[in-house]
Amino acid sequence: MTHTVSVVIPAYNSARTLDACLRSVYAQTHPVHEVLVVDDASTDTTAQIARRHPCTLIRSPVNRGVSAARNTGIAAATGEVLFFLDSDEALTPDSVANALEILAADPGCGCVHGVIAPEPLFDDGPVEHYKVLHAYWWRARGAGDVETAFFAQAAVPRGVFEHLGGFDESLRDSEDLEFSDRLAPHYRIVLTERVMARHDEEHRLGPLLAETYRRALLLVPALLSARRGGRSNLTANSPASVLAAAGLFAALPWGLALPWLPAAGLAAFGLANLGLLRFAARRRGAGFVPFFAAVHLLNHAALLAGAAVGGLRAALRPRTAARSGAGRAVAR
């Protein structure tokens, strides 16, 4: 059965990448029914670029975030399948056709999503090389039936949203995880390399680490929510890698007295990421591996810091609310 496909592209200040994104959609081997670009109050030439293509442009007067933009696209779309694509990505030509084939094979499948290609959309240097290689690695290793959906490049039957509702518009990060909490108990989720997109990743180290920290703020609550539901979320780093990094950072203050301790932590971190480092060497050469490993370790520092702060906030929030309630009771 052939399904009509509406491609929904949330866009905010996407002038650099939107043309490449749209060209990749119109080059699909399976023709799409419509393309909706939801311009989330961009201040650059995003709208002008969209108008160069035969797509429907929907402009928001205020910036409301990616969840609201996707919901706007869902409401306007008329296709039987909604294919979400971030504006800083370009699909491989058969991605839509492959997603439809997987959905057609299993009526119980509620989402097919893809992986980041190991080459960037635009080559901006070694930090971006690290980011795309890592992004490809952990997604490709997790391919198959999963319990987490990422909507940077994902196909979802319309009926799923009629059943579950849309994205949580209060979230500007980790909205994928929140929706996965509602999706996984009812539908099969498939992660596949047959859907792939080249991504224009962050190419500066500072913003990359800041992004990791910001996203990690919600990591502990998301993992706890998944555990309560009896599920496991896809994560970008293995528990062994995170624990090894934590051990290394904990050992650093003892480095002068016990120099072997940080060295052992660094060796453990290398062993925990041996497959990833070998993959980086195959893709970029052995000379790239020390830089890759250093950025990976710094990224773990940002991850651990964000998770610690987010976990502390989550632990204190109920207590703060309880204290506030007690204070109001006393005041009465």
Protein backbone atom coordinates (compact mmCIF):
# COMPACT_ATOMS: atom_id res chain seq x y z
CA MET A 1 0.00 0.00 0.00
CA THR A 2 1.30 3.44 -0.92
CA HIS A 3 0.85 6.15 1.71
CA THR A 4 0.86 9.88 1.18
CA VAL A 5 3.71 11.56 3.07
CA SER A 6 3.77 15.02 4.58
CA VAL A 7 7.27 16.22 5.44
CA VAL A 8 7.29 18.58 8.43
CA ILE A 9 10.39 20.75 8.81
CA PRO A 10 10.61 22.99 11.90
CA ALA A 11 13.00 25.83 11.15
CA TYR A 12 14.54 28.62 13.19
CA ASN A 13 17.27 30.80 11.68
CA SER A 14 18.02 27.99 9.24
CA ALA A 15 19.26 30.04 6.28
CA ARG A 16 22.58 28.18 6.18
CA THR A 17 21.08 24.72 5.75
CA LEU A 18 17.43 24.94 4.64
CA ASP A 19 18.11 24.91 0.89
CA ALA A 20 20.15 21.69 1.17
CA CYS A 21 17.47 20.20 3.43
CA LEU A 22 14.65 20.94 0.99
CA ARG A 23 16.63 19.78 -2.02
CA SER A 24 17.16 16.42 -0.33
CA VAL A 25 13.39 16.09 0.25
CA TYR A 26 12.49 16.81 -3.36
CA ALA A 27 15.16 14.34 -4.51
CA GLN A 28 13.53 11.39 -2.67
CA THR A 29 12.89 8.24 -4.68
CA HIS A 30 9.39 8.16 -3.18
CA PRO A 31 7.67 11.45 -4.09
CA VAL A 32 6.28 13.27 -1.09
CA HIS A 33 2.72 14.54 -0.95
CA GLU A 34 3.60 17.91 0.61
CA VAL A 35 6.36 19.72 2.44
CA LEU A 36 5.57 22.06 5.31
CA VAL A 37 8.26 24.42 6.60
CA VAL A 38 7.26 25.83 9.97
CA ASP A 39 9.30 29.01 10.44
CA ASP A 40 9.50 29.56 14.19
CA ALA A 41 9.91 33.38 14.05
CA SER A 42 13.30 33.34 12.32
CA THR A 43 15.22 36.60 12.10
CA ASP A 44 17.32 35.60 9.07
CA THR A 45 16.37 34.69 5.49
CA THR A 46 14.81 31.30 6.34
CA ALA A 47 11.39 32.33 4.96
CA GLN A 48 12.85 33.68 1.71
CA ILE A 49 14.76 30.46 1.13
CA ALA A 50 11.64 28.37 1.77
CA ARG A 51 9.72 30.43 -0.80
CA ARG A 52 12.19 29.35 -3.50
CA HIS A 53 10.79 25.82 -3.23
CA PRO A 54 7.28 24.42 -3.85
CA CYS A 55 6.63 23.95 -0.14
CA THR A 56 4.02 25.36 2.23
CA LEU A 57 5.52 28.00 4.51
CA ILE A 58 3.90 28.50 7.91
CA ARG A 59 5.29 31.43 9.90
CA SER A 60 4.96 31.80 13.66
CA PRO A 61 4.86 35.38 15.00
CA VAL A 62 6.84 34.36 18.10
CA ASN A 63 9.46 31.74 18.78
CA ARG A 64 7.79 28.84 20.58
CA GLY A 65 10.33 26.02 20.22
CA VAL A 66 10.60 22.83 18.21
CA SER A 67 7.71 21.02 19.93
CA ALA A 68 5.24 23.77 19.06
CA ALA A 69 6.62 23.98 15.51
CA ARG A 70 6.14 20.26 14.98
CA ASN A 71 2.63 20.42 16.40
CA THR A 72 1.82 23.26 14.01
CA GLY A 73 3.02 21.10 11.14
CA ILE A 74 0.98 18.12 12.33
CA ALA A 75 -2.18 20.24 12.45
CA ALA A 76 -1.65 21.55 8.91
CA ALA A 77 -0.50 18.29 7.30
CA THR A 78 -2.85 16.16 5.19
CA GLY A 79 -0.66 13.09 4.56
CA GLU A 80 -1.25 9.66 6.04
CA VAL A 81 2.36 9.53 7.26
CA LEU A 82 4.22 12.48 8.78
CA PHE A 83 7.94 12.56 8.16
CA PHE A 84 9.76 14.91 10.52
CA LEU A 85 13.05 16.37 9.35
CA ASP A 86 15.20 18.93 11.11
CA SER A 87 16.14 21.92 8.97
CA ASP A 88 19.88 21.36 9.45
CA GLU A 89 19.79 17.89 7.88
CA ALA A 90 19.73 16.45 4.36
CA LEU A 91 18.23 13.00 3.74
CA THR A 92 19.74 10.25 1.67
CA PRO A 93 17.54 9.74 -1.44
CA ASP A 94 15.78 6.52 -0.39
CA SER A 95 15.11 7.43 3.25
CA VAL A 96 11.39 8.14 2.85
CA ALA A 97 10.82 5.01 0.72
CA ASN A 98 12.65 2.84 3.26
CA ALA A 99 10.70 4.28 6.19
CA LEU A 100 7.40 3.60 4.42
CA GLU A 101 8.46 0.04 3.65
CA ILE A 102 9.22 -0.64 7.32
CA LEU A 103 5.94 0.92 8.45
CA ALA A 104 3.96 -1.09 5.88
CA ALA A 105 5.53 -4.35 7.06
CA ASP A 106 4.18 -3.93 10.60
CA PRO A 107 0.91 -2.11 11.37
CA GLY A 108 1.98 -2.02 15.02
CA CYS A 109 5.00 0.13 14.22
CA GLY A 110 4.43 3.70 15.38
CA CYS A 111 7.73 5.29 14.43
CA VAL A 112 10.68 4.66 12.13
CA HIS A 113 13.65 6.93 12.75
CA GLY A 114 17.13 7.10 11.37
CA VAL A 115 20.78 7.76 12.06
CA ILE A 116 23.17 10.64 11.52
CA ALA A 117 25.57 10.06 8.61
CA PRO A 118 29.26 9.81 9.53
CA GLU A 119 29.99 12.77 7.23
CA PRO A 120 28.64 16.26 8.01
CA LEU A 121 26.33 18.27 5.80
CA PHE A 122 29.01 20.98 5.58
CA ASP A 123 32.59 20.25 6.64
CA ASP A 124 33.54 22.76 9.33
CA GLY A 125 36.50 21.03 10.89
CA PRO A 126 37.63 18.53 13.52
CA VAL A 127 35.10 19.28 16.28
CA GLU A 128 32.26 18.61 13.84
CA HIS A 129 34.05 15.48 12.65
CA TYR A 130 34.04 14.24 16.24
CA LYS A 131 30.38 15.05 16.66
CA VAL A 132 29.07 13.30 13.53
CA LEU A 133 31.25 10.22 14.03
CA HIS A 134 30.05 9.83 17.60
CA ALA A 135 26.42 10.50 16.61
CA TYR A 136 26.56 7.87 13.87
CA TRP A 137 28.35 5.32 16.07
CA TRP A 138 25.94 5.14 18.96
CA ARG A 139 22.81 5.26 16.82
CA ALA A 140 24.03 2.63 14.37
CA ARG A 141 25.03 0.31 17.25
CA GLY A 142 21.51 0.61 18.66
CA ALA A 143 19.69 -0.03 15.38
CA GLY A 144 16.68 -2.33 15.56
CA ASP A 145 13.67 -2.35 17.85
CA VAL A 146 14.17 0.37 20.45
CA GLU A 147 12.16 2.16 23.13
CA THR A 148 13.31 5.70 22.32
CA ALA A 149 12.40 7.74 19.25
CA PHE A 150 14.34 10.73 17.92
CA PHE A 151 12.47 13.01 15.55
CA ALA A 152 15.29 14.71 13.69
CA GLN A 153 14.47 12.29 10.86
CA ALA A 154 11.44 10.14 11.65
CA ALA A 155 8.29 8.80 10.01
CA VAL A 156 5.12 8.47 12.10
CA PRO A 157 1.61 7.41 10.96
CA ARG A 158 -0.96 10.14 11.53
CA GLY A 159 -3.04 7.81 13.70
CA VAL A 160 -0.30 7.80 16.34
CA PHE A 161 -0.83 11.50 17.03
CA GLU A 162 -4.59 11.07 16.99
CA HIS A 163 -4.09 8.47 19.72
CA LEU A 164 -1.34 10.08 21.82
CA GLY A 165 -1.57 13.79 21.08
CA GLY A 166 1.36 15.93 19.98
CA PHE A 167 4.68 17.03 21.45
CA ASP A 168 4.92 18.70 24.85
CA GLU A 169 5.20 22.39 23.99
CA SER A 170 6.66 23.22 27.39
CA LEU A 171 9.86 21.39 26.39
CA ARG A 172 12.56 22.83 24.15
CA ASP A 173 14.99 19.98 24.88
CA SER A 174 14.40 16.26 25.41
CA GLU A 175 10.93 16.47 23.88
CA ASP A 176 11.83 13.24 22.07
CA LEU A 177 12.20 11.41 25.37
CA GLU A 178 8.92 12.72 26.74
CA PHE A 179 7.06 11.63 23.61
CA SER A 180 8.83 8.26 23.73
CA ASP A 181 7.42 7.74 27.23
CA ARG A 182 3.94 7.89 25.69
CA LEU A 183 4.78 6.13 22.44
CA ALA A 184 6.70 3.03 23.53
CA PRO A 185 3.95 1.38 25.63
CA HIS A 186 1.63 1.28 22.63
CA TYR A 187 3.72 1.06 19.45
CA ARG A 188 6.84 -0.57 18.10
CA ILE A 189 9.72 1.87 17.44
CA VAL A 190 12.39 1.07 14.85
CA LEU A 191 15.79 2.72 14.53
CA THR A 192 17.40 1.99 11.17
CA GLU A 193 20.40 2.93 9.03
CA ARG A 194 18.08 2.74 6.03
CA VAL A 195 16.92 6.22 7.06
CA MET A 196 19.95 8.50 7.18
CA ALA A 197 20.68 12.21 7.09
CA ARG A 198 23.81 14.32 6.91
CA HIS A 199 23.72 16.82 9.78
CA ASP A 200 25.27 20.26 10.12
CA GLU A 201 26.57 19.70 13.64
CA GLU A 202 28.12 22.21 16.02
CA HIS A 203 31.75 22.84 15.03
CA ARG A 204 32.95 24.92 18.03
CA LEU A 205 34.05 23.20 21.20
CA GLY A 206 32.50 25.62 23.71
CA PRO A 207 28.97 25.54 22.26
CA LEU A 208 29.24 21.76 21.81
CA LEU A 209 29.99 21.27 25.51
CA ALA A 210 27.30 23.77 26.49
CA GLU A 211 24.75 21.85 24.43
CA THR A 212 25.76 18.57 26.07
CA TYR A 213 25.44 20.13 29.52
CA ARG A 214 22.02 21.62 28.75
CA ARG A 215 20.63 18.36 27.41
CA ALA A 216 22.07 16.39 30.32
CA LEU A 217 20.07 18.48 32.79
CA LEU A 218 17.02 16.35 31.97
CA LEU A 219 18.91 13.05 31.69
CA VAL A 220 18.32 11.75 35.21
CA PRO A 221 14.57 12.52 35.24
CA ALA A 222 14.23 10.94 31.78
CA LEU A 223 16.05 7.77 32.81
CA LEU A 224 14.01 7.49 36.00
CA SER A 225 10.79 7.94 34.04
CA ALA A 226 11.81 5.19 31.62
CA ARG A 227 12.74 2.88 34.49
CA ARG A 228 9.36 3.42 36.16
CA GLY A 229 7.78 2.38 32.87
CA GLY A 230 9.96 -0.71 32.66
CA ARG A 231 11.85 0.63 29.64
CA SER A 232 15.40 1.64 28.75
CA ASN A 233 16.27 4.78 26.82
CA LEU A 234 18.84 4.88 24.05
CA THR A 235 21.88 6.77 25.32
CA ALA A 236 24.80 8.27 23.45
CA ASN A 237 27.41 6.86 25.84
CA SER A 238 27.67 3.45 27.46
CA PRO A 239 27.43 3.13 31.25
CA ALA A 240 31.01 1.80 31.24
CA SER A 241 32.24 4.95 29.46
CA VAL A 242 30.40 7.29 31.83
CA LEU A 243 31.60 5.41 34.92
CA ALA A 244 35.18 5.36 33.64
CA ALA A 245 35.08 9.11 33.01
CA ALA A 246 33.61 9.74 36.46
CA GLY A 247 36.35 7.62 38.03
CA LEU A 248 39.03 9.49 36.10
CA PHE A 249 37.75 12.90 37.18
CA ALA A 250 37.45 11.71 40.79
CA ALA A 251 41.07 10.51 40.66
CA LEU A 252 42.53 13.78 39.36
CA PRO A 253 42.91 15.45 42.79
CA TRP A 254 45.04 12.47 43.84
CA GLY A 255 47.28 12.75 40.79
CA LEU A 256 50.34 14.20 42.54
CA ALA A 257 50.34 11.67 45.37
CA LEU A 258 49.15 8.70 43.33
CA PRO A 259 49.95 9.37 39.65
CA TRP A 260 48.98 5.85 38.68
CA LEU A 261 45.38 6.49 39.72
CA PRO A 262 44.47 9.01 36.96
CA ALA A 263 46.49 6.93 34.51
CA ALA A 264 44.39 3.90 35.37
CA GLY A 265 41.23 5.98 34.95
CA LEU A 266 42.37 7.18 31.55
CA ALA A 267 43.17 3.62 30.50
CA ALA A 268 39.72 2.48 31.64
CA PHE A 269 38.10 5.29 29.66
CA GLY A 270 40.05 4.24 26.56
CA LEU A 271 39.06 0.60 26.97
CA ALA A 272 35.39 1.54 27.47
CA ASN A 273 35.50 3.41 24.15
CA LEU A 274 37.83 1.11 22.23
CA GLY A 275 35.33 0.30 19.48
CA LEU A 276 34.46 3.97 19.01
CA LEU A 277 38.12 5.00 18.84
CA ARG A 278 38.82 2.30 16.27
CA PHE A 279 35.88 3.52 14.23
CA ALA A 280 37.24 7.10 14.36
CA ALA A 281 40.62 5.81 13.20
CA ARG A 282 39.05 3.99 10.26
CA ARG A 283 37.09 7.07 9.20
CA ARG A 284 39.63 9.83 9.85
CA GLY A 285 42.98 8.14 10.35
CA ALA A 286 44.99 7.23 13.43
CA GLY A 287 46.29 10.78 13.79
CA PHE A 288 42.76 12.01 14.52
CA VAL A 289 42.22 9.63 17.45
CA PRO A 290 44.01 11.65 20.20
CA PHE A 291 41.95 14.73 19.36
CA PHE A 292 38.77 12.66 19.16
CA ALA A 293 39.48 11.05 22.54
CA ALA A 294 40.21 14.41 24.19
CA VAL A 295 36.96 15.97 22.95
CA HIS A 296 35.07 12.84 23.93
CA LEU A 297 36.44 13.09 27.47
CA LEU A 298 35.53 16.78 27.71
CA ASN A 299 32.06 15.93 26.45
CA HIS A 300 31.74 13.40 29.27
CA ALA A 301 32.72 16.13 31.76
CA ALA A 302 29.88 18.32 30.46
CA LEU A 303 27.51 15.33 30.54
CA LEU A 304 28.37 14.44 34.12
CA ALA A 305 28.09 18.04 35.28
CA GLY A 306 24.69 18.47 33.63
CA ALA A 307 23.39 15.16 34.94
CA ALA A 308 24.56 16.00 38.47
CA VAL A 309 22.89 19.41 38.46
CA GLY A 310 19.73 18.04 36.85
CA GLY A 311 19.58 15.14 39.28
CA LEU A 312 20.01 17.49 42.24
CA ARG A 313 17.24 19.73 40.97
CA ALA A 314 14.95 16.74 40.51
CA ALA A 315 15.73 15.52 44.04
CA LEU A 316 15.12 18.92 45.63
CA ARG A 317 11.99 19.81 43.69
CA PRO A 318 9.53 17.63 45.70
CA ARG A 319 11.13 18.71 48.96
CA THR A 320 10.91 22.36 48.00
CA ALA A 321 7.25 21.93 47.10
CA ALA A 322 6.58 20.13 50.37
CA ARG A 323 8.29 22.86 52.35
CA SER A 324 6.34 25.52 50.52
CA GLY A 325 3.09 23.68 51.28
CA ALA A 326 4.07 23.34 54.94
CA GLY A 327 4.82 27.07 55.06
CA ARG A 328 1.42 27.91 53.66
CA ALA A 329 -0.25 25.57 56.20
CA VAL A 330 1.56 27.26 59.06
CA ALA A 331 0.63 30.71 57.73
CA ARG A 332 -3.03 29.72 57.76
